[in-house]
Protein backbone atom coordinates (compact mmCIF):
# COMPACT_ATOMS: atom_id res chain seq x y z
CA MET A 1 -0.02 -0.24 0.07
CA ARG A 2 2.98 2.18 0.77
CA LYS A 3 5.16 2.12 -2.59
CA THR A 4 1.47 2.35 -4.49
CA LEU A 5 0.22 5.78 -2.09
CA LEU A 6 4.04 7.03 -3.04
CA ILE A 7 3.83 5.81 -6.76
CA ILE A 8 0.86 8.00 -7.38
CA PHE A 9 2.17 10.92 -5.08
CA PHE A 10 5.18 10.69 -8.20
CA LEU A 11 2.93 11.07 -11.08
CA ILE A 12 1.56 14.24 -9.56
CA SER A 13 4.40 15.69 -8.95
CA CYS A 14 5.61 14.99 -12.58
CA THR A 15 1.99 17.04 -13.83
CA SER A 16 1.94 20.12 -14.94
CA LEU A 17 -0.33 22.20 -12.10
CA LYS A 18 -1.55 23.99 -14.72
CA ALA A 19 -3.38 20.88 -16.63
CA GLN A 20 -5.00 19.99 -12.67
CA PHE A 21 -8.38 18.24 -13.74
CA PHE A 22 -10.65 17.28 -11.11
CA ILE A 23 -13.60 15.18 -10.89
CA GLY A 24 -16.35 14.39 -8.76
CA GLY A 25 -19.57 12.43 -8.71
CA ILE A 26 -21.84 10.39 -6.39
CA HIS A 27 -23.39 6.68 -7.30
CA LEU A 28 -25.74 4.49 -6.21
CA ASN A 29 -24.62 1.11 -5.43
CA GLY A 30 -26.48 -2.77 -4.96
CA GLY A 31 -24.04 -5.16 -4.51
CA PHE A 32 -24.88 -8.60 -5.18
CA PRO A 33 -23.04 -11.90 -3.18
CA THR A 34 -21.41 -14.86 -4.99
CA SER A 35 -18.79 -17.45 -4.33
CA LYS A 36 -18.42 -18.02 -0.05
CA LEU A 37 -21.00 -15.31 1.12
CA LYS A 38 -23.33 -16.16 -1.17
CA SER A 39 -23.55 -19.07 1.01
CA GLU A 40 -23.57 -17.36 4.00
CA VAL A 41 -26.12 -14.99 3.49
CA ASP A 42 -27.56 -15.72 -0.40
CA ARG A 43 -30.23 -12.73 -0.36
CA VAL A 44 -28.89 -10.25 1.53
CA MET A 45 -28.15 -7.65 -0.50
CA PHE A 46 -25.54 -4.57 -0.30
CA PRO A 47 -26.79 -1.46 -1.17
CA THR A 48 -24.41 1.80 -0.38
CA ILE A 49 -24.16 5.29 -1.87
CA SER A 50 -21.27 6.38 -2.44
CA GLY A 51 -18.91 10.04 -3.42
CA ILE A 52 -15.60 9.89 -5.64
CA VAL A 53 -13.30 12.20 -6.27
CA LEU A 54 -10.84 11.58 -9.22
CA TYR A 55 -8.14 13.35 -10.69
CA GLU A 56 -7.52 13.39 -14.41
CA PHE A 57 -3.96 13.17 -16.08
CA TYR A 58 -2.96 15.88 -18.43
CA ASN A 59 -3.15 14.26 -21.77
CA GLN A 60 -3.11 10.99 -20.07
CA PRO A 61 -5.66 8.20 -20.29
CA PHE A 62 -5.79 7.48 -16.54
CA GLN A 63 -7.98 8.95 -13.70
CA VAL A 64 -7.12 8.86 -9.57
CA GLY A 65 -8.97 9.14 -6.74
CA PHE A 66 -10.93 8.39 -4.04
CA GLU A 67 -14.47 6.35 -3.11
CA LEU A 68 -16.24 6.61 0.09
CA GLY A 69 -19.48 4.53 0.47
CA TYR A 70 -22.07 3.92 3.34
CA GLY A 71 -24.85 1.69 3.56
CA ILE A 72 -27.59 -0.47 5.26
CA TYR A 73 -27.46 -4.09 4.31
CA GLY A 74 -30.07 -4.76 7.05
CA SER A 75 -32.70 -3.30 9.33
CA LYS A 76 -34.86 -5.11 12.23
CA LEU A 77 -37.28 -3.24 14.46
CA GLU A 78 -39.10 -4.83 17.49
CA LYS A 79 -41.39 -3.84 20.13
CA ARG A 80 -40.69 -5.72 23.46
CA ASP A 81 -41.95 -4.93 27.14
CA ASP A 82 -39.37 -7.57 28.65
CA LEU A 83 -35.85 -5.43 27.86
CA TYR A 84 -35.92 -4.12 31.13
CA PRO A 85 -36.30 -6.59 34.94
CA GLY A 86 -39.08 -5.62 36.69
CA PHE A 87 -40.41 -3.31 33.45
CA ASN A 88 -43.30 -4.41 31.47
CA ASP A 89 -42.92 -0.84 29.44
CA GLU A 90 -42.65 -1.08 25.32
CA PHE A 91 -39.78 -0.20 23.89
CA ARG A 92 -38.87 0.33 20.38
CA LEU A 93 -35.52 -2.37 19.85
CA ARG A 94 -33.99 -1.05 16.56
CA ARG A 95 -30.54 -2.68 14.98
CA ASN A 96 -29.11 -1.86 11.61
CA ASN A 97 -26.16 -3.50 10.35
CA ASN A 98 -23.83 -0.92 8.55
CA TYR A 99 -21.53 -0.72 5.80
CA LEU A 100 -18.72 1.85 5.26
CA SER A 101 -16.08 1.54 2.43
CA GLY A 102 -13.01 3.76 1.72
CA MET A 103 -11.15 3.05 -1.18
CA ALA A 104 -8.49 4.42 -3.39
CA VAL A 105 -9.22 4.53 -7.28
CA PHE A 106 -7.28 3.84 -10.21
CA ARG A 107 -9.05 3.92 -13.79
CA PHE A 108 -7.68 3.62 -17.29
CA LEU A 109 -9.22 5.09 -20.24
CA PRO A 110 -9.12 2.98 -23.60
CA SER A 111 -10.22 6.30 -25.59
CA THR A 112 -10.59 9.81 -24.23
CA SER A 113 -11.90 11.33 -27.21
CA SER A 114 -15.08 8.91 -28.08
CA LYS A 115 -18.19 10.35 -27.07
CA LEU A 116 -19.16 7.28 -24.88
CA THR A 117 -16.01 6.80 -22.97
CA PRO A 118 -15.21 3.15 -21.78
CA TYR A 119 -12.91 2.63 -18.84
CA LEU A 120 -10.92 -0.09 -16.87
CA GLU A 121 -11.29 0.50 -12.44
CA ILE A 122 -9.30 -1.08 -10.13
CA GLN A 123 -9.94 -0.10 -6.20
CA VAL A 124 -7.85 -0.89 -2.90
CA GLY A 125 -8.94 0.13 0.40
CA ALA A 126 -10.95 -1.62 3.51
CA ASN A 127 -14.22 -2.44 4.01
CA TYR A 128 -15.92 -1.47 7.88
CA LEU A 129 -18.82 -3.40 8.95
CA TYR A 130 -20.78 -2.73 12.00
CA SER A 131 -24.21 -3.36 13.58
CA ARG A 132 -26.19 -0.58 15.81
CA PHE A 133 -28.75 -0.56 18.45
CA LYS A 134 -30.91 1.86 19.61
CA ILE A 135 -33.88 1.41 22.60
CA ARG A 136 -36.48 4.26 23.02
CA PRO A 137 -39.73 4.27 24.25
CA SER A 138 -41.39 5.84 20.76
CA LEU A 139 -40.32 7.09 17.68
CA PHE A 140 -40.01 10.30 18.56
CA GLU A 141 -39.09 9.90 22.05
CA GLU A 142 -34.97 9.97 23.22
CA LYS A 143 -33.15 7.11 23.26
CA VAL A 144 -33.11 5.24 26.45
CA GLU A 145 -29.76 3.30 25.70
CA VAL A 146 -27.35 2.91 22.17
CA GLY A 147 -24.71 0.55 21.71
CA LYS A 148 -23.01 -1.50 19.03
CA ASP A 149 -23.32 -5.55 18.76
CA MET A 150 -20.62 -6.25 16.50
CA GLU A 151 -17.26 -4.74 14.37
CA ASP A 152 -15.27 -5.89 12.15
CA TRP A 153 -12.97 -4.48 8.80
CA GLY A 154 -10.74 -5.85 6.52
CA LEU A 155 -8.83 -4.84 3.87
CA GLY A 156 -10.77 -5.05 0.26
CA TYR A 157 -10.46 -4.55 -3.56
CA LYS A 158 -12.66 -4.27 -6.83
CA VAL A 159 -11.63 -4.83 -10.47
CA GLY A 160 -14.31 -3.95 -12.83
CA GLY A 161 -15.01 -1.11 -15.52
CA GLY A 162 -17.49 1.17 -16.92
CA LEU A 163 -18.74 3.49 -19.27
CA LEU A 164 -19.51 7.05 -19.02
CA ILE A 165 -22.43 8.67 -20.91
CA PRO A 166 -22.83 12.27 -22.27
CA ILE A 167 -25.67 14.46 -21.03
CA PRO A 168 -27.66 16.11 -23.37
CA GLY A 169 -27.49 19.92 -23.32
CA SER A 170 -23.91 19.51 -20.79
CA GLU A 171 -20.49 19.90 -21.66
CA PHE A 172 -19.52 18.73 -17.48
CA ILE A 173 -21.78 16.44 -16.75
CA LYS A 174 -22.08 12.33 -17.42
CA LEU A 175 -23.45 9.54 -16.99
CA ASP A 176 -21.79 6.57 -15.06
CA LEU A 177 -22.71 3.27 -15.24
CA ARG A 178 -20.10 0.33 -13.78
CA ILE A 179 -20.25 -2.63 -12.23
CA ASN A 180 -17.16 -4.71 -10.62
CA TYR A 181 -16.20 -7.61 -8.68
CA GLN A 182 -15.01 -7.33 -5.09
CA ASP A 183 -13.27 -9.13 -2.77
CA GLY A 184 -10.56 -9.45 0.18
CA GLU A 185 -10.09 -10.35 3.70
CA SER A 186 -12.73 -12.49 5.99
CA MET A 187 -14.31 -10.47 8.12
CA ARG A 188 -17.41 -11.13 11.20
CA PHE A 189 -20.71 -9.49 10.93
CA LEU A 190 -24.09 -10.14 11.25
CA THR A 191 -27.54 -10.11 9.14
CA LYS A 192 -31.00 -9.06 10.58
CA LYS A 193 -31.39 -12.80 11.58
CA ASP A 194 -28.30 -13.01 14.01
CA THR A 195 -29.51 -11.38 16.81
CA GLU A 196 -31.64 -12.67 19.35
CA TYR A 197 -32.61 -11.54 22.72
CA ILE A 198 -33.12 -14.06 25.25
CA PRO A 199 -35.57 -12.30 27.85
CA THR A 200 -35.01 -15.36 30.71
CA LYS A 201 -31.06 -15.26 30.30
CA GLY A 202 -29.48 -13.94 33.34
CA ASN A 203 -31.24 -10.21 33.60
CA GLY A 204 -32.34 -10.30 29.62
CA GLU A 205 -28.87 -10.90 27.10
CA PHE A 206 -28.38 -10.59 23.30
CA GLU A 207 -27.56 -13.86 21.95
CA TYR A 208 -25.27 -13.56 18.81
CA HIS A 209 -25.06 -15.71 15.78
CA PRO A 210 -22.26 -14.32 13.83
CA ARG A 211 -21.50 -15.11 9.93
CA TYR A 212 -17.39 -14.99 8.52
CA SER A 213 -16.27 -14.45 4.80
CA PRO A 214 -14.97 -12.28 2.54
CA LEU A 215 -17.12 -9.70 1.56
CA GLN A 216 -17.37 -10.97 -2.05
CA LEU A 217 -19.89 -9.20 -4.15
CA ILE A 218 -20.65 -8.00 -7.52
CA ASN A 219 -21.88 -4.63 -7.74
CA ALA A 220 -23.33 -2.71 -9.89
CA SER A 221 -23.86 0.98 -9.98
CA ILE A 222 -25.44 3.88 -11.59
CA GLY A 223 -24.55 7.65 -10.95
CA ILE A 224 -23.42 11.06 -12.18
CA VAL A 225 -19.70 12.73 -12.73
CA VAL A 226 -19.09 16.27 -13.23
CA TYR A 227 -16.21 17.51 -14.65
CA ASP A 228 -13.83 19.89 -13.71
CA ALA A 229 -16.08 20.16 -10.46
CA PHE A 230 -13.92 22.39 -8.56
CA ARG A 231 -13.03 25.25 -10.35
């Protein structure tokens, strides 16, 4: 990873400052499990919304940058009157399973002069999966308790490509259609079926049945990118 960052810094430093050209965009992504992850969570989808910033080298078919994504891949609401021993008031127990990723992005554009611009893409970075719960009397009342059930992170990568399509009437805005394959280190995580509250155990305890798998996904996304976004 350190060598990769040094190479990126060297390439940028060799490029004229007058030629700086930045691209910003936002994507809606859907991740569909494959391989070992599919056997663990067959029908769970991993949706994310992500923001991307790219630097395009002057007169070169390369772009480098960073993409940050966030999503909730499972949510469960329970209304229970047995969360606190000695009380039978009803509380809302909401649990969300969250997905956060940060990736360095490397794009190669075989043709930069055509109207439709295809590209190949590699991403390298980290994924962070965590599950949180909130307990409150009702939707609009203050939280009684907030906690984190489980968390784990791992290195990951994505390999794929996409197509940039001009938006009619706009010189700087393009539609970005993309598909890639994602893999990486194994992580421990929960789905919405993997946590159970046992009121008769101790003073009431959560019981977890975690999954363990690499985050292996086929990701499809649609986005909008703006060229020369920060001028």
